[in-house]
Amino acid sequence: MHPIERLRWVARSPEGDVSMVAVEAADALAGFADDPAGLVIASRRLIERRPAAGPLWWLASRVLCALEPGFEAIAAASDLERDRTPVALAGALPEGTVAIVGWPDQASAALRMRGRTGGDPGGARVVVVLSGSRPGGRGVSPRQGRREPPPPGGRGVSPRQGRWEPPPEAWGCADWLQSHGVDARLLRAGEVAAAVRRCGLALLEATAVGPDSFVAATGSAALAAAAREAHRRVWLVAGVGRVLPGPLYEALLRRITDDPAFEVVPLAAVDDVAGPGGPVPRARMPRPACPVAAELLRFSG
C-alpha cells in the first residue's frame, strides 16, 4: 500500500486504542522517511484527526527529530507494542470494586486480565461511570465552561418515552468486560457519588499527561473529586507515549478546546500514576521520554 493511502486509512479508522492506532501510524510515517516535507505534513494530518491522543504526538515528535526517521518510527512502534502498563496494573489492582469512566483502553485491559487470572474472588467488580457527564470537581472543560444545549429529552435520554440510552463507549466497555468474566455494572453519570461509595479505587486513564495536568474522558474530574471526598484512592493510568514534554502538551491542549469528549484534570487530583513499571506516587512519575519537534507546536488545521 502506498504511504499516502496507508496514512489516509490510519487517519480515517474508527476510534479505538490510541496506542494501537499509534503503532499503525508509525508504519505509515516510516513510508515518508525519504521525504522530509511529506513527513511533516503526514505527522500533522495524523494529529489533526486525533488531537487528544498523546501517543501520536509522542510518535510524531520522535520521528521528526530523528536522523533516521524510518528506524525511529519502527523503534517507537516497538516501544508501544511492548508497553507493560496493563500487565503491571493488573498485578497491582487491589481487591474489590473499581470505578472507571467510559472505555479506558489500558485500564479495561488490566481489569480483564485481573478477572481472568482470578486475582479477586469472582473477578474484579467494575462500576462503569458514563462518559460525557457534566464537567465537575476540579476539572476544566476544554470549552472553558461553555455547555452545549442538551439533546431532546435531556442528556442521555431518548426522545422516545424518555428512555435512558447510555453512551456507546460506556455500554461497550461494560459488555466487553462481562464477556470476559468481569462483573461490570453500568451506571448513569449522575450516580458517580453512589459508585464511589461502593468502590475501593477510582481508576482514571489519561490520553496525555503534562507537567501539572492530564487529559481524560469527560467525567474523570467528577469521579476524582467524589473519590477524594469519600477518602478513596485515585490512580491515573498513563502508559508509553502518554507523558509529554510541556511544549507538546500545551500544543495538544490548544487543539482540543472544542472537544466536549475530553477535559483537563489537575495532576493533584490523583494519588498514584500507573505506567509500565506499575503504580508509583505522583511525585515519582517518570519524566517525558521524547524530544520536542518545533513543526508540531503551531500549525493550521
C-alpha atoms as a PDB file:
ATOM      1  CA  MET A   1       0.000   0.000   0.000  1.00  0.00           C
ATOM      2  CA  HIS A   2       1.299   3.462  -0.908  1.00  0.00           C
ATOM      3  CA  PRO A   3       2.322   5.562   2.140  1.00  0.00           C
ATOM      4  CA  ILE A   4      -0.314   8.193   1.311  1.00  0.00           C
ATOM      5  CA  GLU A   5      -3.077   5.573   1.143  1.00  0.00           C
ATOM      6  CA  ARG A   6      -1.927   3.952   4.368  1.00  0.00           C
ATOM      7  CA  LEU A   7      -1.864   7.350   6.069  1.00  0.00           C
ATOM      8  CA  ARG A   8      -5.442   8.018   4.953  1.00  0.00           C
ATOM      9  CA  TRP A   9      -6.551   4.626   6.230  1.00  0.00           C
ATOM     10  CA  VAL A  10      -4.995   5.229   9.655  1.00  0.00           C
ATOM     11  CA  ALA A  11      -6.374   8.773   9.864  1.00  0.00           C
ATOM     12  CA  ARG A  12      -9.917   7.674   8.980  1.00  0.00           C
ATOM     13  CA  SER A  13     -10.014   4.472  11.024  1.00  0.00           C
ATOM     14  CA  PRO A  14     -12.637   4.356  13.803  1.00  0.00           C
ATOM     15  CA  GLU A  15     -11.736   5.493  17.282  1.00  0.00           C
ATOM     16  CA  GLY A  16     -10.003   2.777  19.271  1.00  0.00           C
ATOM     17  CA  ASP A  17      -6.999   2.012  21.436  1.00  0.00           C
ATOM     18  CA  VAL A  18      -4.827   5.088  20.905  1.00  0.00           C
ATOM     19  CA  SER A  19      -1.610   3.128  21.454  1.00  0.00           C
ATOM     20  CA  MET A  20      -2.505   0.627  18.736  1.00  0.00           C
ATOM     21  CA  VAL A  21      -3.503   3.477  16.418  1.00  0.00           C
ATOM     22  CA  ALA A  22      -0.059   4.971  17.033  1.00  0.00           C
ATOM     23  CA  VAL A  23       1.568   1.649  16.102  1.00  0.00           C
ATOM     24  CA  GLU A  24      -0.264   1.690  12.765  1.00  0.00           C
ATOM     25  CA  ALA A  25       0.641   5.338  12.341  1.00  0.00           C
ATOM     26  CA  ALA A  26       4.327   4.557  12.879  1.00  0.00           C
ATOM     27  CA  ASP A  27       4.241   2.153   9.950  1.00  0.00           C
ATOM     28  CA  ALA A  28       2.599   4.832   7.806  1.00  0.00           C
ATOM     29  CA  LEU A  29       5.123   7.506   8.807  1.00  0.00           C
ATOM     30  CA  ALA A  30       8.040   5.185   8.052  1.00  0.00           C
ATOM     31  CA  GLY A  31       6.994   5.346   4.412  1.00  0.00           C
ATOM     32  CA  PHE A  32       7.883   9.058   4.376  1.00  0.00           C
ATOM     33  CA  ALA A  33      11.433   8.567   5.699  1.00  0.00           C
ATOM     34  CA  ASP A  34      12.968   9.877   2.459  1.00  0.00           C
ATOM     35  CA  ASP A  35      10.538  12.792   2.130  1.00  0.00           C
ATOM     36  CA  PRO A  36      11.114  15.323   4.965  1.00  0.00           C
ATOM     37  CA  ALA A  37       8.390  17.714   3.811  1.00  0.00           C
ATOM     38  CA  GLY A  38       5.935  14.877   3.338  1.00  0.00           C
ATOM     39  CA  LEU A  39       6.793  13.542   6.788  1.00  0.00           C
ATOM     40  CA  VAL A  40       5.872  16.856   8.398  1.00  0.00           C
ATOM     41  CA  ILE A  41       2.555  17.005   6.530  1.00  0.00           C
ATOM     42  CA  ALA A  42       1.764  13.367   7.364  1.00  0.00           C
ATOM     43  CA  SER A  43       2.514  13.893  11.062  1.00  0.00           C
ATOM     44  CA  ARG A  44       0.277  16.937  11.223  1.00  0.00           C
ATOM     45  CA  ARG A  45      -2.596  15.154   9.477  1.00  0.00           C
ATOM     46  CA  LEU A  46      -2.483  12.309  11.976  1.00  0.00           C
ATOM     47  CA  ILE A  47      -2.601  14.759  14.870  1.00  0.00           C
ATOM     48  CA  GLU A  48      -5.449  16.718  13.294  1.00  0.00           C
ATOM     49  CA  ARG A  49      -7.535  13.522  13.211  1.00  0.00           C
ATOM     50  CA  ARG A  50      -6.919  12.595  16.882  1.00  0.00           C
ATOM     51  CA  PRO A  51      -5.522  15.676  18.626  1.00  0.00           C
ATOM     52  CA  ALA A  52      -6.154  14.327  22.155  1.00  0.00           C
ATOM     53  CA  ALA A  53      -4.064  11.179  21.570  1.00  0.00           C
ATOM     54  CA  GLY A  54      -0.770  11.733  23.366  1.00  0.00           C
ATOM     55  CA  PRO A  55       0.953   8.718  21.753  1.00  0.00           C
ATOM     56  CA  LEU A  56       0.507  10.284  18.301  1.00  0.00           C
ATOM     57  CA  TRP A  57       2.232  13.496  19.422  1.00  0.00           C
ATOM     58  CA  TRP A  58       4.960  11.418  21.098  1.00  0.00           C
ATOM     59  CA  LEU A  59       5.455   9.333  17.944  1.00  0.00           C
ATOM     60  CA  ALA A  60       5.424  12.261  15.524  1.00  0.00           C
ATOM     61  CA  SER A  61       7.861  14.284  17.614  1.00  0.00           C
ATOM     62  CA  ARG A  62      10.294  11.374  17.891  1.00  0.00           C
ATOM     63  CA  VAL A  63      10.203  10.702  14.163  1.00  0.00           C
ATOM     64  CA  LEU A  64      10.522  14.356  13.115  1.00  0.00           C
ATOM     65  CA  CYS A  65      13.534  14.888  15.395  1.00  0.00           C
ATOM     66  CA  ALA A  66      15.352  11.695  14.335  1.00  0.00           C
ATOM     67  CA  LEU A  67      18.298  11.491  11.956  1.00  0.00           C
ATOM     68  CA  GLU A  68      16.842   8.223  10.637  1.00  0.00           C
ATOM     69  CA  PRO A  69      13.049   8.729  10.674  1.00  0.00           C
ATOM     70  CA  GLY A  70      12.268   5.259   9.333  1.00  0.00           C
ATOM     71  CA  PHE A  71      14.236   3.465  12.035  1.00  0.00           C
ATOM     72  CA  GLU A  72      12.842   5.777  14.722  1.00  0.00           C
ATOM     73  CA  ALA A  73       9.278   5.008  13.627  1.00  0.00           C
ATOM     74  CA  ILE A  74       9.976   1.277  13.932  1.00  0.00           C
ATOM     75  CA  ALA A  75      11.587   1.777  17.353  1.00  0.00           C
ATOM     76  CA  ALA A  76       8.621   3.823  18.594  1.00  0.00           C
ATOM     77  CA  ALA A  77       6.154   1.183  17.387  1.00  0.00           C
ATOM     78  CA  SER A  78       8.166  -1.470  19.206  1.00  0.00           C
ATOM     79  CA  ASP A  79       8.067   0.575  22.427  1.00  0.00           C
ATOM     80  CA  LEU A  80       4.284   0.877  22.160  1.00  0.00           C
ATOM     81  CA  GLU A  81       3.762  -2.816  21.433  1.00  0.00           C
ATOM     82  CA  ARG A  82       5.936  -3.813  24.414  1.00  0.00           C
ATOM     83  CA  ASP A  83       4.117  -1.477  26.816  1.00  0.00           C
ATOM     84  CA  ARG A  84       3.576  -3.482  30.012  1.00  0.00           C
ATOM     85  CA  THR A  85       1.252  -0.954  31.637  1.00  0.00           C
ATOM     86  CA  PRO A  86      -1.893  -3.158  31.544  1.00  0.00           C
ATOM     87  CA  VAL A  87       0.051  -6.171  32.870  1.00  0.00           C
ATOM     88  CA  ALA A  88       1.717  -4.196  35.662  1.00  0.00           C
ATOM     89  CA  LEU A  89      -1.578  -2.563  36.591  1.00  0.00           C
ATOM     90  CA  ALA A  90      -3.412  -5.898  36.660  1.00  0.00           C
ATOM     91  CA  GLY A  91      -0.923  -7.226  39.181  1.00  0.00           C
ATOM     92  CA  ALA A  92      -1.224  -4.155  41.395  1.00  0.00           C
ATOM     93  CA  LEU A  93      -5.004  -3.705  41.492  1.00  0.00           C
ATOM     94  CA  PRO A  94      -6.459  -4.067  44.981  1.00  0.00           C
ATOM     95  CA  GLU A  95      -9.353  -6.395  45.692  1.00  0.00           C
ATOM     96  CA  GLY A  96     -12.880  -5.120  45.470  1.00  0.00           C
ATOM     97  CA  THR A  97     -14.781  -2.713  43.281  1.00  0.00           C
ATOM     98  CA  VAL A  98     -13.092  -0.330  40.852  1.00  0.00           C
ATOM     99  CA  ALA A  99     -14.736   2.718  39.272  1.00  0.00           C
ATOM    100  CA  ILE A 100     -13.799   3.782  35.735  1.00  0.00           C
ATOM    101  CA  VAL A 101     -15.064   6.288  33.171  1.00  0.00           C
ATOM    102  CA  GLY A 102     -16.227   5.275  29.701  1.00  0.00           C
ATOM    103  CA  TRP A 103     -13.965   2.769  27.932  1.00  0.00           C
ATOM    104  CA  PRO A 104     -10.338   3.353  29.007  1.00  0.00           C
ATOM    105  CA  ASP A 105      -8.076   1.220  26.810  1.00  0.00           C
ATOM    106  CA  GLN A 106      -5.336   0.208  29.219  1.00  0.00           C
ATOM    107  CA  ALA A 107      -7.392   0.195  32.420  1.00  0.00           C
ATOM    108  CA  SER A 108     -10.053  -2.065  30.894  1.00  0.00           C
ATOM    109  CA  ALA A 109      -7.353  -4.434  29.601  1.00  0.00           C
ATOM    110  CA  ALA A 110      -5.891  -4.653  33.108  1.00  0.00           C
ATOM    111  CA  LEU A 111      -9.307  -5.346  34.634  1.00  0.00           C
ATOM    112  CA  ARG A 112      -9.912  -8.107  32.099  1.00  0.00           C
ATOM    113  CA  MET A 113      -6.552  -9.691  32.940  1.00  0.00           C
ATOM    114  CA  ARG A 114      -7.276  -9.433  36.649  1.00  0.00           C
ATOM    115  CA  GLY A 115     -10.616 -11.149  36.223  1.00  0.00           C
ATOM    116  CA  ARG A 116      -9.240 -13.933  34.033  1.00  0.00           C
ATOM    117  CA  THR A 117      -6.312 -14.721  36.319  1.00  0.00           C
ATOM    118  CA  GLY A 118      -8.536 -14.964  39.384  1.00  0.00           C
ATOM    119  CA  GLY A 119      -6.877 -12.058  41.185  1.00  0.00           C
ATOM    120  CA  ASP A 120     -10.165 -11.390  43.001  1.00  0.00           C
ATOM    121  CA  PRO A 121     -12.758 -13.921  44.082  1.00  0.00           C
ATOM    122  CA  GLY A 122     -15.228 -13.972  41.221  1.00  0.00           C
ATOM    123  CA  GLY A 123     -13.252 -11.337  39.324  1.00  0.00           C
ATOM    124  CA  ALA A 124     -12.999  -7.594  39.861  1.00  0.00           C
ATOM    125  CA  ARG A 125     -16.325  -5.823  40.088  1.00  0.00           C
ATOM    126  CA  VAL A 126     -16.255  -2.737  37.905  1.00  0.00           C
ATOM    127  CA  VAL A 127     -18.539   0.256  38.098  1.00  0.00           C
ATOM    128  CA  VAL A 128     -18.525   1.966  34.703  1.00  0.00           C
ATOM    129  CA  VAL A 129     -19.314   5.649  35.162  1.00  0.00           C
ATOM    130  CA  LEU A 130     -20.675   7.082  31.963  1.00  0.00           C
ATOM    131  CA  SER A 131     -18.533   9.396  29.892  1.00  0.00           C
ATOM    132  CA  GLY A 132     -19.973  12.661  28.685  1.00  0.00           C
ATOM    133  CA  SER A 133     -21.056  13.701  32.165  1.00  0.00           C
ATOM    134  CA  ARG A 134     -21.105  17.338  33.170  1.00  0.00           C
ATOM    135  CA  PRO A 135     -17.587  18.582  33.919  1.00  0.00           C
ATOM    136  CA  GLY A 136     -17.259  18.730  37.658  1.00  0.00           C
ATOM    137  CA  GLY A 137     -14.861  18.600  40.577  1.00  0.00           C
ATOM    138  CA  ARG A 138     -11.621  20.397  39.873  1.00  0.00           C
ATOM    139  CA  GLY A 139     -11.513  19.641  36.182  1.00  0.00           C
ATOM    140  CA  VAL A 140     -11.545  22.266  33.441  1.00  0.00           C
ATOM    141  CA  SER A 141     -13.684  21.850  30.356  1.00  0.00           C
ATOM    142  CA  PRO A 142     -11.737  22.357  27.122  1.00  0.00           C
ATOM    143  CA  ARG A 143     -14.579  24.712  26.180  1.00  0.00           C
ATOM    144  CA  GLN A 144     -13.728  26.780  29.287  1.00  0.00           C
ATOM    145  CA  GLY A 145     -17.089  26.270  30.879  1.00  0.00           C
ATOM    146  CA  ARG A 146     -19.298  26.595  27.788  1.00  0.00           C
ATOM    147  CA  ARG A 147     -22.003  23.969  27.542  1.00  0.00           C
ATOM    148  CA  GLU A 148     -23.946  22.812  24.534  1.00  0.00           C
ATOM    149  CA  PRO A 149     -27.761  22.722  24.800  1.00  0.00           C
ATOM    150  CA  PRO A 150     -28.994  19.270  25.863  1.00  0.00           C
ATOM    151  CA  PRO A 151     -30.490  16.954  23.244  1.00  0.00           C
ATOM    152  CA  PRO A 152     -34.273  16.475  23.119  1.00  0.00           C
ATOM    153  CA  GLY A 153     -35.378  14.583  26.199  1.00  0.00           C
ATOM    154  CA  GLY A 154     -32.331  15.623  28.235  1.00  0.00           C
ATOM    155  CA  ARG A 155     -28.699  14.464  28.231  1.00  0.00           C
ATOM    156  CA  GLY A 156     -28.504  10.725  27.785  1.00  0.00           C
ATOM    157  CA  VAL A 157     -32.297  10.374  27.488  1.00  0.00           C
ATOM    158  CA  SER A 158     -34.033   9.031  24.422  1.00  0.00           C
ATOM    159  CA  PRO A 159     -36.752  11.254  22.967  1.00  0.00           C
ATOM    160  CA  ARG A 160     -38.851   8.089  22.774  1.00  0.00           C
ATOM    161  CA  GLN A 161     -40.726   7.818  26.081  1.00  0.00           C
ATOM    162  CA  GLY A 162     -37.842   9.473  27.973  1.00  0.00           C
ATOM    163  CA  ARG A 163     -35.857   6.235  27.950  1.00  0.00           C
ATOM    164  CA  TRP A 164     -32.256   6.478  29.093  1.00  0.00           C
ATOM    165  CA  GLU A 165     -29.710   5.440  26.458  1.00  0.00           C
ATOM    166  CA  PRO A 166     -26.128   5.028  27.728  1.00  0.00           C
ATOM    167  CA  PRO A 167     -23.268   6.400  25.616  1.00  0.00           C
ATOM    168  CA  PRO A 168     -21.900   3.656  23.337  1.00  0.00           C
ATOM    169  CA  GLU A 169     -18.360   3.651  24.743  1.00  0.00           C
ATOM    170  CA  ALA A 170     -19.537   3.026  28.318  1.00  0.00           C
ATOM    171  CA  TRP A 171     -22.053   0.387  27.277  1.00  0.00           C
ATOM    172  CA  GLY A 172     -19.449  -1.250  25.026  1.00  0.00           C
ATOM    173  CA  CYS A 173     -16.892  -1.403  27.839  1.00  0.00           C
ATOM    174  CA  ALA A 174     -19.359  -2.964  30.282  1.00  0.00           C
ATOM    175  CA  ASP A 175     -20.444  -5.513  27.697  1.00  0.00           C
ATOM    176  CA  TRP A 176     -16.832  -6.343  26.747  1.00  0.00           C
ATOM    177  CA  LEU A 177     -15.768  -6.815  30.369  1.00  0.00           C
ATOM    178  CA  GLN A 178     -18.796  -9.002  31.082  1.00  0.00           C
ATOM    179  CA  SER A 179     -17.929 -11.167  28.081  1.00  0.00           C
ATOM    180  CA  HIS A 180     -14.540 -11.797  29.729  1.00  0.00           C
ATOM    181  CA  GLY A 181     -15.980 -12.830  33.064  1.00  0.00           C
ATOM    182  CA  VAL A 182     -15.739  -9.483  34.863  1.00  0.00           C
ATOM    183  CA  ASP A 183     -18.720  -8.304  36.913  1.00  0.00           C
ATOM    184  CA  ALA A 184     -19.232  -4.928  35.234  1.00  0.00           C
ATOM    185  CA  ARG A 185     -22.047  -2.587  36.282  1.00  0.00           C
ATOM    186  CA  LEU A 186     -23.178   0.284  34.077  1.00  0.00           C
ATOM    187  CA  LEU A 187     -24.323   3.388  35.965  1.00  0.00           C
ATOM    188  CA  ARG A 188     -25.605   6.787  34.921  1.00  0.00           C
ATOM    189  CA  ALA A 189     -23.165   9.688  35.092  1.00  0.00           C
ATOM    190  CA  GLY A 190     -25.258  11.231  37.864  1.00  0.00           C
ATOM    191  CA  GLU A 191     -24.652   8.187  40.055  1.00  0.00           C
ATOM    192  CA  VAL A 192     -20.941   8.872  40.479  1.00  0.00           C
ATOM    193  CA  ALA A 193     -21.268   9.537  44.233  1.00  0.00           C
ATOM    194  CA  ALA A 194     -23.061   6.226  44.756  1.00  0.00           C
ATOM    195  CA  ALA A 195     -20.456   4.430  42.646  1.00  0.00           C
ATOM    196  CA  VAL A 196     -17.587   5.862  44.681  1.00  0.00           C
ATOM    197  CA  ARG A 197     -19.177   4.819  47.972  1.00  0.00           C
ATOM    198  CA  ARG A 198     -19.196   1.224  46.721  1.00  0.00           C
ATOM    199  CA  CYS A 199     -15.684   1.208  45.276  1.00  0.00           C
ATOM    200  CA  GLY A 200     -12.242   0.950  46.803  1.00  0.00           C
ATOM    201  CA  LEU A 201     -10.397   2.624  43.932  1.00  0.00           C
ATOM    202  CA  ALA A 202     -11.139   5.257  41.280  1.00  0.00           C
ATOM    203  CA  LEU A 203      -9.174   4.392  38.146  1.00  0.00           C
ATOM    204  CA  LEU A 204      -8.724   7.194  35.614  1.00  0.00           C
ATOM    205  CA  GLU A 205      -6.913   6.980  32.283  1.00  0.00           C
ATOM    206  CA  ALA A 206      -5.053   9.782  30.535  1.00  0.00           C
ATOM    207  CA  THR A 207      -4.779  10.216  26.796  1.00  0.00           C
ATOM    208  CA  ALA A 208      -1.991  12.732  27.517  1.00  0.00           C
ATOM    209  CA  VAL A 209      -0.156  13.925  30.635  1.00  0.00           C
ATOM    210  CA  GLY A 210       1.614  17.250  31.094  1.00  0.00           C
ATOM    211  CA  PRO A 211       3.674  18.796  33.885  1.00  0.00           C
ATOM    212  CA  ASP A 212       0.679  19.766  36.049  1.00  0.00           C
ATOM    213  CA  SER A 213      -2.442  18.231  34.498  1.00  0.00           C
ATOM    214  CA  PHE A 214      -3.719  15.497  32.224  1.00  0.00           C
ATOM    215  CA  VAL A 215      -6.363  14.992  29.535  1.00  0.00           C
ATOM    216  CA  ALA A 216      -9.014  12.337  30.185  1.00  0.00           C
ATOM    217  CA  ALA A 217     -12.571  11.446  29.254  1.00  0.00           C
ATOM    218  CA  THR A 218     -15.173  13.920  30.432  1.00  0.00           C
ATOM    219  CA  GLY A 219     -16.434  12.780  33.810  1.00  0.00           C
ATOM    220  CA  SER A 220     -12.982  11.927  35.146  1.00  0.00           C
ATOM    221  CA  ALA A 221     -12.743  15.089  37.257  1.00  0.00           C
ATOM    222  CA  ALA A 222     -16.117  14.400  38.851  1.00  0.00           C
ATOM    223  CA  LEU A 223     -15.070  10.843  39.692  1.00  0.00           C
ATOM    224  CA  ALA A 224     -11.762  12.016  41.173  1.00  0.00           C
ATOM    225  CA  ALA A 225     -13.464  14.697  43.259  1.00  0.00           C
ATOM    226  CA  ALA A 226     -16.069  12.249  44.588  1.00  0.00           C
ATOM    227  CA  ALA A 227     -13.351   9.723  45.426  1.00  0.00           C
ATOM    228  CA  ARG A 228     -11.388  12.345  47.343  1.00  0.00           C
ATOM    229  CA  GLU A 229     -14.457  13.330  49.308  1.00  0.00           C
ATOM    230  CA  ALA A 230     -15.123   9.681  50.162  1.00  0.00           C
ATOM    231  CA  HIS A 231     -11.451   9.109  51.110  1.00  0.00           C
ATOM    232  CA  ARG A 232     -10.888   6.621  48.270  1.00  0.00           C
ATOM    233  CA  ARG A 233      -7.612   6.364  46.394  1.00  0.00           C
ATOM    234  CA  VAL A 234      -7.343   7.681  42.843  1.00  0.00           C
ATOM    235  CA  TRP A 235      -4.945   6.131  40.319  1.00  0.00           C
ATOM    236  CA  LEU A 236      -4.098   7.508  36.896  1.00  0.00           C
ATOM    237  CA  VAL A 237      -3.163   5.125  34.076  1.00  0.00           C
ATOM    238  CA  ALA A 238      -0.587   6.602  31.684  1.00  0.00           C
ATOM    239  CA  GLY A 239       1.274   4.118  29.510  1.00  0.00           C
ATOM    240  CA  VAL A 240       4.059   4.534  26.969  1.00  0.00           C
ATOM    241  CA  GLY A 241       3.820   7.713  24.904  1.00  0.00           C
ATOM    242  CA  ARG A 242       1.261   9.473  27.096  1.00  0.00           C
ATOM    243  CA  VAL A 243       3.567  11.597  29.260  1.00  0.00           C
ATOM    244  CA  LEU A 244       4.572  14.564  27.106  1.00  0.00           C
ATOM    245  CA  PRO A 245       7.049  17.456  27.441  1.00  0.00           C
ATOM    246  CA  GLY A 246       5.439  20.739  28.427  1.00  0.00           C
ATOM    247  CA  PRO A 247       5.556  22.426  24.966  1.00  0.00           C
ATOM    248  CA  LEU A 248       3.970  19.418  23.213  1.00  0.00           C
ATOM    249  CA  TYR A 249       1.320  19.102  25.908  1.00  0.00           C
ATOM    250  CA  GLU A 250       0.406  22.784  25.640  1.00  0.00           C
ATOM    251  CA  ALA A 251       0.123  22.442  21.851  1.00  0.00           C
ATOM    252  CA  LEU A 252      -2.187  19.446  22.355  1.00  0.00           C
ATOM    253  CA  LEU A 253      -4.399  21.430  24.743  1.00  0.00           C
ATOM    254  CA  ARG A 254      -4.795  24.206  22.186  1.00  0.00           C
ATOM    255  CA  ARG A 255      -6.167  21.715  19.666  1.00  0.00           C
ATOM    256  CA  ILE A 256      -8.846  20.121  21.871  1.00  0.00           C
ATOM    257  CA  THR A 257     -10.541  23.285  23.116  1.00  0.00           C
ATOM    258  CA  ASP A 258     -13.772  22.435  21.253  1.00  0.00           C
ATOM    259  CA  ASP A 259     -13.943  18.715  22.041  1.00  0.00           C
ATOM    260  CA  PRO A 260     -16.577  18.009  24.725  1.00  0.00           C
ATOM    261  CA  ALA A 261     -15.425  14.375  24.996  1.00  0.00           C
ATOM    262  CA  PHE A 262     -12.328  15.383  26.968  1.00  0.00           C
ATOM    263  CA  GLU A 263     -11.488  17.516  29.967  1.00  0.00           C
ATOM    264  CA  VAL A 264      -8.306  18.700  31.655  1.00  0.00           C
ATOM    265  CA  VAL A 265      -7.776  17.457  35.211  1.00  0.00           C
ATOM    266  CA  PRO A 266      -5.062  18.632  37.637  1.00  0.00           C
ATOM    267  CA  LEU A 267      -2.461  16.006  38.477  1.00  0.00           C
ATOM    268  CA  ALA A 268      -3.029  16.901  42.121  1.00  0.00           C
ATOM    269  CA  ALA A 269      -6.353  15.050  41.864  1.00  0.00           C
ATOM    270  CA  VAL A 270      -4.600  11.653  41.736  1.00  0.00           C
ATOM    271  CA  ASP A 271      -2.535   9.739  44.282  1.00  0.00           C
ATOM    272  CA  ASP A 272      -0.547   7.362  42.059  1.00  0.00           C
ATOM    273  CA  VAL A 273       0.345   7.149  38.375  1.00  0.00           C
ATOM    274  CA  ALA A 274       0.427   3.690  36.777  1.00  0.00           C
ATOM    275  CA  GLY A 275       2.849   3.199  33.903  1.00  0.00           C
ATOM    276  CA  PRO A 276       4.913   0.279  32.547  1.00  0.00           C
ATOM    277  CA  GLY A 277       6.517  -0.210  35.968  1.00  0.00           C
ATOM    278  CA  GLY A 278       3.225  -0.232  37.845  1.00  0.00           C
ATOM    279  CA  PRO A 279       1.694   2.418  40.123  1.00  0.00           C
ATOM    280  CA  VAL A 280       4.077   4.926  41.713  1.00  0.00           C
ATOM    281  CA  PRO A 281       3.355   8.037  43.800  1.00  0.00           C
ATOM    282  CA  ARG A 282       2.520  11.052  41.663  1.00  0.00           C
ATOM    283  CA  ALA A 283       5.761  12.796  42.649  1.00  0.00           C
ATOM    284  CA  ARG A 284       7.752   9.898  41.167  1.00  0.00           C
ATOM    285  CA  MET A 285       6.015   9.889  37.796  1.00  0.00           C
ATOM    286  CA  PRO A 286       8.599   9.262  35.022  1.00  0.00           C
ATOM    287  CA  ARG A 287       9.791  12.253  33.025  1.00  0.00           C
ATOM    288  CA  PRO A 288       8.772  12.615  29.354  1.00  0.00           C
ATOM    289  CA  ALA A 289      10.924  10.467  27.077  1.00  0.00           C
ATOM    290  CA  CYS A 290      10.711  12.266  23.748  1.00  0.00           C
ATOM    291  CA  PRO A 291      12.159  15.400  22.112  1.00  0.00           C
ATOM    292  CA  VAL A 292      10.055  18.383  21.075  1.00  0.00           C
ATOM    293  CA  ALA A 293       9.529  18.860  17.334  1.00  0.00           C
ATOM    294  CA  ALA A 294       9.042  22.540  16.566  1.00  0.00           C
ATOM    295  CA  GLU A 295       6.955  21.602  13.500  1.00  0.00           C
ATOM    296  CA  LEU A 296       4.163  20.381  15.809  1.00  0.00           C
ATOM    297  CA  LEU A 297       3.957  23.372  18.121  1.00  0.00           C
ATOM    298  CA  ARG A 298       1.944  25.598  15.806  1.00  0.00           C
ATOM    299  CA  PHE A 299       0.256  24.719  12.541  1.00  0.00           C
ATOM    300  CA  SER A 300      -3.077  25.460  10.916  1.00  0.00           C
ATOM    301  CA  GLY A 301      -5.809  22.880  10.502  1.00  0.00           C
END
